[in-house]
Amino acid sequence: HYSKAGDAGYQKYWDSMIFDYGKGGVEH
C-alpha cells in the first residue's frame, strides 16, 4: 500500500517500513 511488496518495502536496519516514493498515492 504505502510500501513496495516484500523485502523491498522493509528497512531491515531500523525494523520499519520504507515508502514507495514512486507511487502516486504515496507521493500525494
mmCIF file of all heavy atoms, coordinates in Angstrom:
data_MODEL
# 
_entry.id   MODEL 
# 
loop_
_atom_site.group_PDB 
_atom_site.id 
_atom_site.type_symbol 
_atom_site.label_atom_id 
_atom_site.label_alt_id 
_atom_site.label_comp_id 
_atom_site.label_asym_id 
_atom_site.label_entity_id 
_atom_site.label_seq_id 
_atom_site.pdbx_PDB_ins_code 
_atom_site.Cartn_x 
_atom_site.Cartn_y 
_atom_site.Cartn_z 
_atom_site.occupancy 
_atom_site.B_iso_or_equiv 
_atom_site.pdbx_formal_charge 
_atom_site.auth_seq_id 
_atom_site.auth_comp_id 
_atom_site.auth_asym_id 
_atom_site.auth_atom_id 
_atom_site.pdbx_PDB_model_num 
ATOM 1   N N   . HIS A 1 1  ? 0.841  -1.197  0.000  1.00 0.00 ? 1  HIS A N   1 
ATOM 2   C CA  . HIS A 1 1  ? 0.000  0.000   0.000  1.00 0.00 ? 1  HIS A CA  1 
ATOM 3   C C   . HIS A 1 1  ? 0.878  1.249   0.000  1.00 0.00 ? 1  HIS A C   1 
ATOM 4   O O   . HIS A 1 1  ? 0.973  1.955   -0.999 1.00 0.00 ? 1  HIS A O   1 
ATOM 5   C CB  . HIS A 1 1  ? -0.921 -0.039  1.222  1.00 0.00 ? 1  HIS A CB  1 
ATOM 6   C CG  . HIS A 1 1  ? -1.938 1.052   1.252  1.00 0.00 ? 1  HIS A CG  1 
ATOM 7   N ND1 . HIS A 1 1  ? -2.734 1.299   2.345  1.00 0.00 ? 1  HIS A ND1 1 
ATOM 8   C CD2 . HIS A 1 1  ? -2.293 1.996   0.348  1.00 0.00 ? 1  HIS A CD2 1 
ATOM 9   C CE1 . HIS A 1 1  ? -3.532 2.317   2.097  1.00 0.00 ? 1  HIS A CE1 1 
ATOM 10  N NE2 . HIS A 1 1  ? -3.277 2.763   0.887  1.00 0.00 ? 1  HIS A NE2 1 
ATOM 11  N N   . TYR A 1 2  ? 1.554  1.518   1.098  1.00 0.00 ? 2  TYR A N   1 
ATOM 12  C CA  . TYR A 1 2  ? 2.462  2.659   1.162  1.00 0.00 ? 2  TYR A CA  1 
ATOM 13  C C   . TYR A 1 2  ? 3.911  2.251   0.911  1.00 0.00 ? 2  TYR A C   1 
ATOM 14  O O   . TYR A 1 2  ? 4.786  3.101   0.792  1.00 0.00 ? 2  TYR A O   1 
ATOM 15  C CB  . TYR A 1 2  ? 2.346  3.358   2.515  1.00 0.00 ? 2  TYR A CB  1 
ATOM 16  C CG  . TYR A 1 2  ? 1.101  4.221   2.625  1.00 0.00 ? 2  TYR A CG  1 
ATOM 17  C CD1 . TYR A 1 2  ? -0.073 3.722   3.169  1.00 0.00 ? 2  TYR A CD1 1 
ATOM 18  C CD2 . TYR A 1 2  ? 1.094  5.531   2.168  1.00 0.00 ? 2  TYR A CD2 1 
ATOM 19  C CE1 . TYR A 1 2  ? -1.225 4.505   3.259  1.00 0.00 ? 2  TYR A CE1 1 
ATOM 20  C CE2 . TYR A 1 2  ? -0.034 6.329   2.251  1.00 0.00 ? 2  TYR A CE2 1 
ATOM 21  C CZ  . TYR A 1 2  ? -1.200 5.810   2.788  1.00 0.00 ? 2  TYR A CZ  1 
ATOM 22  O OH  . TYR A 1 2  ? -2.325 6.581   2.864  1.00 0.00 ? 2  TYR A OH  1 
ATOM 23  N N   . SER A 1 3  ? 4.159  0.946   0.835  1.00 0.00 ? 3  SER A N   1 
ATOM 24  C CA  . SER A 1 3  ? 5.498  0.424   0.584  1.00 0.00 ? 3  SER A CA  1 
ATOM 25  C C   . SER A 1 3  ? 5.480  -0.492  -0.623 1.00 0.00 ? 3  SER A C   1 
ATOM 26  O O   . SER A 1 3  ? 4.422  -0.910  -1.089 1.00 0.00 ? 3  SER A O   1 
ATOM 27  C CB  . SER A 1 3  ? 6.001  -0.379  1.792  1.00 0.00 ? 3  SER A CB  1 
ATOM 28  O OG  . SER A 1 3  ? 6.134  0.426   2.933  1.00 0.00 ? 3  SER A OG  1 
ATOM 29  N N   . LYS A 1 4  ? 6.658  -0.842  -1.118 1.00 0.00 ? 4  LYS A N   1 
ATOM 30  C CA  . LYS A 1 4  ? 6.763  -1.898  -2.115 1.00 0.00 ? 4  LYS A CA  1 
ATOM 31  C C   . LYS A 1 4  ? 6.544  -3.244  -1.429 1.00 0.00 ? 4  LYS A C   1 
ATOM 32  O O   . LYS A 1 4  ? 6.725  -3.378  -0.221 1.00 0.00 ? 4  LYS A O   1 
ATOM 33  C CB  . LYS A 1 4  ? 8.132  -1.852  -2.789 1.00 0.00 ? 4  LYS A CB  1 
ATOM 34  C CG  . LYS A 1 4  ? 8.355  -0.592  -3.622 1.00 0.00 ? 4  LYS A CG  1 
ATOM 35  C CD  . LYS A 1 4  ? 9.736  -0.551  -4.231 1.00 0.00 ? 4  LYS A CD  1 
ATOM 36  C CE  . LYS A 1 4  ? 9.922  0.722   -5.049 1.00 0.00 ? 4  LYS A CE  1 
ATOM 37  N NZ  . LYS A 1 4  ? 11.287 0.829   -5.616 1.00 0.00 ? 4  LYS A NZ  1 
ATOM 38  N N   . ALA A 1 5  ? 6.166  -4.225  -2.208 1.00 0.00 ? 5  ALA A N   1 
ATOM 39  C CA  . ALA A 1 5  ? 5.869  -5.548  -1.651 1.00 0.00 ? 5  ALA A CA  1 
ATOM 40  C C   . ALA A 1 5  ? 7.130  -6.252  -1.177 1.00 0.00 ? 5  ALA A C   1 
ATOM 41  O O   . ALA A 1 5  ? 8.230  -6.032  -1.697 1.00 0.00 ? 5  ALA A O   1 
ATOM 42  C CB  . ALA A 1 5  ? 5.166  -6.402  -2.709 1.00 0.00 ? 5  ALA A CB  1 
ATOM 43  N N   . GLY A 1 6  ? 6.965  -7.087  -0.154 1.00 0.00 ? 6  GLY A N   1 
ATOM 44  C CA  . GLY A 1 6  ? 8.052  -7.940  0.314  1.00 0.00 ? 6  GLY A CA  1 
ATOM 45  C C   . GLY A 1 6  ? 9.208  -7.182  0.936  1.00 0.00 ? 6  GLY A C   1 
ATOM 46  O O   . GLY A 1 6  ? 9.043  -6.108  1.515  1.00 0.00 ? 6  GLY A O   1 
ATOM 47  N N   . ASP A 1 7  ? 10.395 -7.749  0.769  1.00 0.00 ? 7  ASP A N   1 
ATOM 48  C CA  . ASP A 1 7  ? 11.594 -7.183  1.398  1.00 0.00 ? 7  ASP A CA  1 
ATOM 49  C C   . ASP A 1 7  ? 11.922 -5.786  0.886  1.00 0.00 ? 7  ASP A C   1 
ATOM 50  O O   . ASP A 1 7  ? 12.562 -5.001  1.592  1.00 0.00 ? 7  ASP A O   1 
ATOM 51  C CB  . ASP A 1 7  ? 12.793 -8.105  1.167  1.00 0.00 ? 7  ASP A CB  1 
ATOM 52  C CG  . ASP A 1 7  ? 12.685 -9.411  1.943  1.00 0.00 ? 7  ASP A CG  1 
ATOM 53  O OD1 . ASP A 1 7  ? 11.883 -9.460  2.901  1.00 0.00 ? 7  ASP A OD1 1 
ATOM 54  O OD2 . ASP A 1 7  ? 13.387 -10.369 1.587  1.00 0.00 ? 7  ASP A OD2 1 
ATOM 55  N N   . ALA A 1 8  ? 11.485 -5.454  -0.334 1.00 0.00 ? 8  ALA A N   1 
ATOM 56  C CA  . ALA A 1 8  ? 11.783 -4.133  -0.899 1.00 0.00 ? 8  ALA A CA  1 
ATOM 57  C C   . ALA A 1 8  ? 11.128 -3.013  -0.100 1.00 0.00 ? 8  ALA A C   1 
ATOM 58  O O   . ALA A 1 8  ? 11.577 -1.869  -0.149 1.00 0.00 ? 8  ALA A O   1 
ATOM 59  C CB  . ALA A 1 8  ? 11.328 -4.067  -2.353 1.00 0.00 ? 8  ALA A CB  1 
ATOM 60  N N   . GLY A 1 9  ? 10.075 -3.332  0.666  1.00 0.00 ? 9  GLY A N   1 
ATOM 61  C CA  . GLY A 1 9  ? 9.396  -2.318  1.458  1.00 0.00 ? 9  GLY A CA  1 
ATOM 62  C C   . GLY A 1 9  ? 9.811  -2.283  2.911  1.00 0.00 ? 9  GLY A C   1 
ATOM 63  O O   . GLY A 1 9  ? 9.242  -1.508  3.699  1.00 0.00 ? 9  GLY A O   1 
ATOM 64  N N   . TYR A 1 10 ? 10.814 -3.089  3.261  1.00 0.00 ? 10 TYR A N   1 
ATOM 65  C CA  . TYR A 1 10 ? 11.211 -3.223  4.670  1.00 0.00 ? 10 TYR A CA  1 
ATOM 66  C C   . TYR A 1 10 ? 12.608 -2.654  4.888  1.00 0.00 ? 10 TYR A C   1 
ATOM 67  O O   . TYR A 1 10 ? 13.541 -2.959  4.139  1.00 0.00 ? 10 TYR A O   1 
ATOM 68  C CB  . TYR A 1 10 ? 11.170 -4.696  5.061  1.00 0.00 ? 10 TYR A CB  1 
ATOM 69  C CG  . TYR A 1 10 ? 11.592 -4.994  6.478  1.00 0.00 ? 10 TYR A CG  1 
ATOM 70  C CD1 . TYR A 1 10 ? 10.905 -4.457  7.571  1.00 0.00 ? 10 TYR A CD1 1 
ATOM 71  C CD2 . TYR A 1 10 ? 12.691 -5.808  6.739  1.00 0.00 ? 10 TYR A CD2 1 
ATOM 72  C CE1 . TYR A 1 10 ? 11.288 -4.738  8.868  1.00 0.00 ? 10 TYR A CE1 1 
ATOM 73  C CE2 . TYR A 1 10 ? 13.086 -6.098  8.040  1.00 0.00 ? 10 TYR A CE2 1 
ATOM 74  C CZ  . TYR A 1 10 ? 12.384 -5.561  9.105  1.00 0.00 ? 10 TYR A CZ  1 
ATOM 75  O OH  . TYR A 1 10 ? 12.771 -5.833  10.402 1.00 0.00 ? 10 TYR A OH  1 
ATOM 76  N N   . GLN A 1 11 ? 12.748 -1.810  5.909  1.00 0.00 ? 11 GLN A N   1 
ATOM 77  C CA  . GLN A 1 11 ? 14.050 -1.254  6.286  1.00 0.00 ? 11 GLN A CA  1 
ATOM 78  C C   . GLN A 1 11 ? 14.616 -2.138  7.391  1.00 0.00 ? 11 GLN A C   1 
ATOM 79  O O   . GLN A 1 11 ? 14.330 -1.945  8.576  1.00 0.00 ? 11 GLN A O   1 
ATOM 80  C CB  . GLN A 1 11 ? 13.876 0.193   6.781  1.00 0.00 ? 11 GLN A CB  1 
ATOM 81  C CG  . GLN A 1 11 ? 14.918 1.187   6.299  1.00 0.00 ? 11 GLN A CG  1 
ATOM 82  C CD  . GLN A 1 11 ? 16.320 0.948   6.872  1.00 0.00 ? 11 GLN A CD  1 
ATOM 83  O OE1 . GLN A 1 11 ? 16.646 -0.108  7.399  1.00 0.00 ? 11 GLN A OE1 1 
ATOM 84  N NE2 . GLN A 1 11 ? 17.159 1.950   6.761  1.00 0.00 ? 11 GLN A NE2 1 
ATOM 85  N N   . LYS A 1 12 ? 15.429 -3.110  7.003  1.00 0.00 ? 12 LYS A N   1 
ATOM 86  C CA  . LYS A 1 12 ? 15.865 -4.130  7.952  1.00 0.00 ? 12 LYS A CA  1 
ATOM 87  C C   . LYS A 1 12 ? 16.767 -3.577  9.058  1.00 0.00 ? 12 LYS A C   1 
ATOM 88  O O   . LYS A 1 12 ? 16.806 -4.121  10.159 1.00 0.00 ? 12 LYS A O   1 
ATOM 89  C CB  . LYS A 1 12 ? 16.585 -5.258  7.221  1.00 0.00 ? 12 LYS A CB  1 
ATOM 90  C CG  . LYS A 1 12 ? 17.881 -4.855  6.534  1.00 0.00 ? 12 LYS A CG  1 
ATOM 91  C CD  . LYS A 1 12 ? 18.518 -6.049  5.830  1.00 0.00 ? 12 LYS A CD  1 
ATOM 92  C CE  . LYS A 1 12 ? 19.826 -5.668  5.160  1.00 0.00 ? 12 LYS A CE  1 
ATOM 93  N NZ  . LYS A 1 12 ? 20.471 -6.829  4.487  1.00 0.00 ? 12 LYS A NZ  1 
ATOM 94  N N   . TYR A 1 13 ? 17.466 -2.507  8.788  1.00 0.00 ? 13 TYR A N   1 
ATOM 95  C CA  . TYR A 1 13 ? 18.373 -1.954  9.792  1.00 0.00 ? 13 TYR A CA  1 
ATOM 96  C C   . TYR A 1 13 ? 17.613 -1.212  10.894 1.00 0.00 ? 13 TYR A C   1 
ATOM 97  O O   . TYR A 1 13 ? 18.118 -1.080  12.013 1.00 0.00 ? 13 TYR A O   1 
ATOM 98  C CB  . TYR A 1 13 ? 19.381 -1.004  9.129  1.00 0.00 ? 13 TYR A CB  1 
ATOM 99  C CG  . TYR A 1 13 ? 20.211 -1.671  8.067  1.00 0.00 ? 13 TYR A CG  1 
ATOM 100 C CD1 . TYR A 1 13 ? 19.938 -1.466  6.716  1.00 0.00 ? 13 TYR A CD1 1 
ATOM 101 C CD2 . TYR A 1 13 ? 21.260 -2.529  8.406  1.00 0.00 ? 13 TYR A CD2 1 
ATOM 102 C CE1 . TYR A 1 13 ? 20.698 -2.074  5.736  1.00 0.00 ? 13 TYR A CE1 1 
ATOM 103 C CE2 . TYR A 1 13 ? 22.031 -3.143  7.429  1.00 0.00 ? 13 TYR A CE2 1 
ATOM 104 C CZ  . TYR A 1 13 ? 21.742 -2.919  6.092  1.00 0.00 ? 13 TYR A CZ  1 
ATOM 105 O OH  . TYR A 1 13 ? 22.488 -3.541  5.115  1.00 0.00 ? 13 TYR A OH  1 
ATOM 106 N N   . TRP A 1 14 ? 16.444 -0.730  10.574 1.00 0.00 ? 14 TRP A N   1 
ATOM 107 C CA  . TRP A 1 14 ? 15.645 0.038   11.536 1.00 0.00 ? 14 TRP A CA  1 
ATOM 108 C C   . TRP A 1 14 ? 14.376 -0.688  11.964 1.00 0.00 ? 14 TRP A C   1 
ATOM 109 O O   . TRP A 1 14 ? 13.597 -0.156  12.746 1.00 0.00 ? 14 TRP A O   1 
ATOM 110 C CB  . TRP A 1 14 ? 15.269 1.399   10.946 1.00 0.00 ? 14 TRP A CB  1 
ATOM 111 C CG  . TRP A 1 14 ? 16.450 2.267   10.618 1.00 0.00 ? 14 TRP A CG  1 
ATOM 112 C CD1 . TRP A 1 14 ? 17.736 2.091   11.012 1.00 0.00 ? 14 TRP A CD1 1 
ATOM 113 C CD2 . TRP A 1 14 ? 16.442 3.460   9.824  1.00 0.00 ? 14 TRP A CD2 1 
ATOM 114 N NE1 . TRP A 1 14 ? 18.533 3.084   10.518 1.00 0.00 ? 14 TRP A NE1 1 
ATOM 115 C CE2 . TRP A 1 14 ? 17.772 3.948   9.777  1.00 0.00 ? 14 TRP A CE2 1 
ATOM 116 C CE3 . TRP A 1 14 ? 15.449 4.156   9.146  1.00 0.00 ? 14 TRP A CE3 1 
ATOM 117 C CZ2 . TRP A 1 14 ? 18.127 5.100   9.090  1.00 0.00 ? 14 TRP A CZ2 1 
ATOM 118 C CZ3 . TRP A 1 14 ? 15.806 5.309   8.450  1.00 0.00 ? 14 TRP A CZ3 1 
ATOM 119 C CH2 . TRP A 1 14 ? 17.134 5.780   8.423  1.00 0.00 ? 14 TRP A CH2 1 
ATOM 120 N N   . ASP A 1 15 ? 14.142 -1.881  11.400 1.00 0.00 ? 15 ASP A N   1 
ATOM 121 C CA  . ASP A 1 15 ? 12.947 -2.670  11.707 1.00 0.00 ? 15 ASP A CA  1 
ATOM 122 C C   . ASP A 1 15 ? 11.681 -1.849  11.496 1.00 0.00 ? 15 ASP A C   1 
ATOM 123 O O   . ASP A 1 15 ? 10.812 -1.756  12.365 1.00 0.00 ? 15 ASP A O   1 
ATOM 124 C CB  . ASP A 1 15 ? 13.002 -3.203  13.145 1.00 0.00 ? 15 ASP A CB  1 
ATOM 125 C CG  . ASP A 1 15 ? 11.935 -4.265  13.408 1.00 0.00 ? 15 ASP A CG  1 
ATOM 126 O OD1 . ASP A 1 15 ? 11.532 -4.944  12.457 1.00 0.00 ? 15 ASP A OD1 1 
ATOM 127 O OD2 . ASP A 1 15 ? 11.500 -4.410  14.567 1.00 0.00 ? 15 ASP A OD2 1 
ATOM 128 N N   . SER A 1 16 ? 11.592 -1.252  10.328 1.00 0.00 ? 16 SER A N   1 
ATOM 129 C CA  . SER A 1 16 ? 10.445 -0.408  9.997  1.00 0.00 ? 16 SER A CA  1 
ATOM 130 C C   . SER A 1 16 ? 10.175 -0.519  8.497  1.00 0.00 ? 16 SER A C   1 
ATOM 131 O O   . SER A 1 16 ? 10.887 -1.204  7.773  1.00 0.00 ? 16 SER A O   1 
ATOM 132 C CB  . SER A 1 16 ? 10.715 1.046   10.405 1.00 0.00 ? 16 SER A CB  1 
ATOM 133 O OG  . SER A 1 16 ? 11.906 1.528   9.804  1.00 0.00 ? 16 SER A OG  1 
ATOM 134 N N   . MET A 1 17 ? 9.146  0.165   8.043  1.00 0.00 ? 17 MET A N   1 
ATOM 135 C CA  . MET A 1 17 ? 8.758  0.122   6.637  1.00 0.00 ? 17 MET A CA  1 
ATOM 136 C C   . MET A 1 17 ? 9.244  1.384   5.926  1.00 0.00 ? 17 MET A C   1 
ATOM 137 O O   . MET A 1 17 ? 9.300  2.463   6.517  1.00 0.00 ? 17 MET A O   1 
ATOM 138 C CB  . MET A 1 17 ? 7.240  0.022   6.516  1.00 0.00 ? 17 MET A CB  1 
ATOM 139 C CG  . MET A 1 17 ? 6.609  -1.097  7.331  1.00 0.00 ? 17 MET A CG  1 
ATOM 140 S SD  . MET A 1 17 ? 7.281  -2.739  6.965  1.00 0.00 ? 17 MET A SD  1 
ATOM 141 C CE  . MET A 1 17 ? 6.761  -2.927  5.252  1.00 0.00 ? 17 MET A CE  1 
ATOM 142 N N   . ILE A 1 18 ? 9.577  1.222   4.647  1.00 0.00 ? 18 ILE A N   1 
ATOM 143 C CA  . ILE A 1 18 ? 10.025 2.374   3.870  1.00 0.00 ? 18 ILE A CA  1 
ATOM 144 C C   . ILE A 1 18 ? 9.013  2.645   2.766  1.00 0.00 ? 18 ILE A C   1 
ATOM 145 O O   . ILE A 1 18 ? 8.387  1.730   2.226  1.00 0.00 ? 18 ILE A O   1 
ATOM 146 C CB  . ILE A 1 18 ? 11.442 2.157   3.298  1.00 0.00 ? 18 ILE A CB  1 
ATOM 147 C CG1 . ILE A 1 18 ? 12.030 3.477   2.800  1.00 0.00 ? 18 ILE A CG1 1 
ATOM 148 C CG2 . ILE A 1 18 ? 11.450 1.101   2.206  1.00 0.00 ? 18 ILE A CG2 1 
ATOM 149 C CD1 . ILE A 1 18 ? 13.525 3.522   2.782  1.00 0.00 ? 18 ILE A CD1 1 
ATOM 150 N N   . PHE A 1 19 ? 8.813  3.901   2.451  1.00 0.00 ? 19 PHE A N   1 
ATOM 151 C CA  . PHE A 1 19 ? 7.798  4.303   1.484  1.00 0.00 ? 19 PHE A CA  1 
ATOM 152 C C   . PHE A 1 19 ? 8.180  3.919   0.054  1.00 0.00 ? 19 PHE A C   1 
ATOM 153 O O   . PHE A 1 19 ? 9.362  3.855   -0.299 1.00 0.00 ? 19 PHE A O   1 
ATOM 154 C CB  . PHE A 1 19 ? 7.583  5.819   1.543  1.00 0.00 ? 19 PHE A CB  1 
ATOM 155 C CG  . PHE A 1 19 ? 6.872  6.291   2.778  1.00 0.00 ? 19 PHE A CG  1 
ATOM 156 C CD1 . PHE A 1 19 ? 7.584  6.866   3.827  1.00 0.00 ? 19 PHE A CD1 1 
ATOM 157 C CD2 . PHE A 1 19 ? 5.493  6.178   2.889  1.00 0.00 ? 19 PHE A CD2 1 
ATOM 158 C CE1 . PHE A 1 19 ? 6.930  7.318   4.964  1.00 0.00 ? 19 PHE A CE1 1 
ATOM 159 C CE2 . PHE A 1 19 ? 4.832  6.625   4.023  1.00 0.00 ? 19 PHE A CE2 1 
ATOM 160 C CZ  . PHE A 1 19 ? 5.552  7.188   5.062  1.00 0.00 ? 19 PHE A CZ  1 
ATOM 161 N N   . ASP A 1 20 ? 7.155  3.720   -0.762 1.00 0.00 ? 20 ASP A N   1 
ATOM 162 C CA  . ASP A 1 20 ? 7.318  3.555   -2.204 1.00 0.00 ? 20 ASP A CA  1 
ATOM 163 C C   . ASP A 1 20 ? 7.182  4.942   -2.823 1.00 0.00 ? 20 ASP A C   1 
ATOM 164 O O   . ASP A 1 20 ? 6.093  5.391   -3.163 1.00 0.00 ? 20 ASP A O   1 
ATOM 165 C CB  . ASP A 1 20 ? 6.243  2.604   -2.748 1.00 0.00 ? 20 ASP A CB  1 
ATOM 166 C CG  . ASP A 1 20 ? 6.375  2.372   -4.242 1.00 0.00 ? 20 ASP A CG  1 
ATOM 167 O OD1 . ASP A 1 20 ? 7.256  3.000   -4.870 1.00 0.00 ? 20 ASP A OD1 1 
ATOM 168 O OD2 . ASP A 1 20 ? 5.597  1.559   -4.787 1.00 0.00 ? 20 ASP A OD2 1 
ATOM 169 N N   . TYR A 1 21 ? 8.306  5.634   -2.962 1.00 0.00 ? 21 TYR A N   1 
ATOM 170 C CA  . TYR A 1 21 ? 8.299  7.044   -3.340 1.00 0.00 ? 21 TYR A CA  1 
ATOM 171 C C   . TYR A 1 21 ? 7.835  7.289   -4.777 1.00 0.00 ? 21 TYR A C   1 
ATOM 172 O O   . TYR A 1 21 ? 7.491  8.421   -5.127 1.00 0.00 ? 21 TYR A O   1 
ATOM 173 C CB  . TYR A 1 21 ? 9.686  7.651   -3.121 1.00 0.00 ? 21 TYR A CB  1 
ATOM 174 C CG  . TYR A 1 21 ? 10.135 7.574   -1.683 1.00 0.00 ? 21 TYR A CG  1 
ATOM 175 C CD1 . TYR A 1 21 ? 11.050 6.599   -1.270 1.00 0.00 ? 21 TYR A CD1 1 
ATOM 176 C CD2 . TYR A 1 21 ? 9.620  8.449   -0.735 1.00 0.00 ? 21 TYR A CD2 1 
ATOM 177 C CE1 . TYR A 1 21 ? 11.443 6.514   0.060  1.00 0.00 ? 21 TYR A CE1 1 
ATOM 178 C CE2 . TYR A 1 21 ? 10.008 8.375   0.590  1.00 0.00 ? 21 TYR A CE2 1 
ATOM 179 C CZ  . TYR A 1 21 ? 10.922 7.390   0.992  1.00 0.00 ? 21 TYR A CZ  1 
ATOM 180 O OH  . TYR A 1 21 ? 11.303 7.301   2.301  1.00 0.00 ? 21 TYR A OH  1 
ATOM 181 N N   . GLY A 1 22 ? 7.801  6.244   -5.593 1.00 0.00 ? 22 GLY A N   1 
ATOM 182 C CA  . GLY A 1 22 ? 7.376  6.408   -6.971 1.00 0.00 ? 22 GLY A CA  1 
ATOM 183 C C   . GLY A 1 22 ? 5.897  6.156   -7.197 1.00 0.00 ? 22 GLY A C   1 
ATOM 184 O O   . GLY A 1 22 ? 5.410  6.296   -8.322 1.00 0.00 ? 22 GLY A O   1 
ATOM 185 N N   . LYS A 1 23 ? 5.170  5.798   -6.161 1.00 0.00 ? 23 LYS A N   1 
ATOM 186 C CA  . LYS A 1 23 ? 3.740  5.502   -6.274 1.00 0.00 ? 23 LYS A CA  1 
ATOM 187 C C   . LYS A 1 23 ? 2.943  6.787   -6.066 1.00 0.00 ? 23 LYS A C   1 
ATOM 188 O O   . LYS A 1 23 ? 3.148  7.506   -5.088 1.00 0.00 ? 23 LYS A O   1 
ATOM 189 C CB  . LYS A 1 23 ? 3.357  4.453   -5.229 1.00 0.00 ? 23 LYS A CB  1 
ATOM 190 C CG  . LYS A 1 23 ? 1.978  3.855   -5.404 1.00 0.00 ? 23 LYS A CG  1 
ATOM 191 C CD  . LYS A 1 23 ? 1.792  2.708   -4.409 1.00 0.00 ? 23 LYS A CD  1 
ATOM 192 C CE  . LYS A 1 23 ? 0.460  2.005   -4.600 1.00 0.00 ? 23 LYS A CE  1 
ATOM 193 N NZ  . LYS A 1 23 ? 0.309  0.852   -3.663 1.00 0.00 ? 23 LYS A NZ  1 
ATOM 194 N N   . GLY A 1 24 ? 1.999  7.055   -6.980 1.00 0.00 ? 24 GLY A N   1 
ATOM 195 C CA  . GLY A 1 24 ? 1.293  8.331   -6.950 1.00 0.00 ? 24 GLY A CA  1 
ATOM 196 C C   . GLY A 1 24 ? 0.597  8.636   -5.646 1.00 0.00 ? 24 GLY A C   1 
ATOM 197 O O   . GLY A 1 24 ? 0.692  9.751   -5.122 1.00 0.00 ? 24 GLY A O   1 
ATOM 198 N N   . GLY A 1 25 ? -0.122 7.663   -5.083 1.00 0.00 ? 25 GLY A N   1 
ATOM 199 C CA  . GLY A 1 25 ? -0.839 7.898   -3.835 1.00 0.00 ? 25 GLY A CA  1 
ATOM 200 C C   . GLY A 1 25 ? 0.081  8.156   -2.664 1.00 0.00 ? 25 GLY A C   1 
ATOM 201 O O   . GLY A 1 25 ? -0.252 8.924   -1.750 1.00 0.00 ? 25 GLY A O   1 
ATOM 202 N N   . VAL A 1 26 ? 1.256  7.528   -2.687 1.00 0.00 ? 26 VAL A N   1 
ATOM 203 C CA  . VAL A 1 26 ? 2.243  7.740   -1.619 1.00 0.00 ? 26 VAL A CA  1 
ATOM 204 C C   . VAL A 1 26 ? 2.871  9.125   -1.753 1.00 0.00 ? 26 VAL A C   1 
ATOM 205 O O   . VAL A 1 26 ? 3.016  9.853   -0.765 1.00 0.00 ? 26 VAL A O   1 
ATOM 206 C CB  . VAL A 1 26 ? 3.328  6.644   -1.665 1.00 0.00 ? 26 VAL A CB  1 
ATOM 207 C CG1 . VAL A 1 26 ? 4.408  6.909   -0.615 1.00 0.00 ? 26 VAL A CG1 1 
ATOM 208 C CG2 . VAL A 1 26 ? 2.706  5.270   -1.453 1.00 0.00 ? 26 VAL A CG2 1 
ATOM 209 N N   . GLU A 1 27 ? 3.245  9.472   -2.969 1.00 0.00 ? 27 GLU A N   1 
ATOM 210 C CA  . GLU A 1 27 ? 3.793  10.814  -3.222 1.00 0.00 ? 27 GLU A CA  1 
ATOM 211 C C   . GLU A 1 27 ? 2.804  11.893  -2.779 1.00 0.00 ? 27 GLU A C   1 
ATOM 212 O O   . GLU A 1 27 ? 3.186  12.869  -2.128 1.00 0.00 ? 27 GLU A O   1 
ATOM 213 C CB  . GLU A 1 27 ? 4.088  10.964  -4.708 1.00 0.00 ? 27 GLU A CB  1 
ATOM 214 C CG  . GLU A 1 27 ? 4.533  12.362  -5.132 1.00 0.00 ? 27 GLU A CG  1 
ATOM 215 C CD  . GLU A 1 27 ? 4.380  12.560  -6.622 1.00 0.00 ? 27 GLU A CD  1 
ATOM 216 O OE1 . GLU A 1 27 ? 3.225  12.732  -7.095 1.00 0.00 ? 27 GLU A OE1 1 
ATOM 217 O OE2 . GLU A 1 27 ? 5.414  12.548  -7.316 1.00 0.00 ? 27 GLU A OE2 1 
ATOM 218 N N   . HIS A 1 28 ? 1.525  11.703  -3.110 1.00 0.00 ? 28 HIS A N   1 
ATOM 219 C CA  . HIS A 1 28 ? 0.491  12.669  -2.734 1.00 0.00 ? 28 HIS A CA  1 
ATOM 220 C C   . HIS A 1 28 ? 0.363  12.769  -1.215 1.00 0.00 ? 28 HIS A C   1 
ATOM 221 O O   . HIS A 1 28 ? 0.231  13.872  -0.661 1.00 0.00 ? 28 HIS A O   1 
ATOM 222 C CB  . HIS A 1 28 ? -0.836 12.252  -3.362 1.00 0.00 ? 28 HIS A CB  1 
ATOM 223 C CG  . HIS A 1 28 ? -1.937 13.237  -3.167 1.00 0.00 ? 28 HIS A CG  1 
ATOM 224 N ND1 . HIS A 1 28 ? -3.139 12.920  -2.573 1.00 0.00 ? 28 HIS A ND1 1 
ATOM 225 C CD2 . HIS A 1 28 ? -2.018 14.563  -3.484 1.00 0.00 ? 28 HIS A CD2 1 
ATOM 226 C CE1 . HIS A 1 28 ? -3.908 13.990  -2.544 1.00 0.00 ? 28 HIS A CE1 1 
ATOM 227 N NE2 . HIS A 1 28 ? -3.262 14.994  -3.079 1.00 0.00 ? 28 HIS A NE2 1 
# 
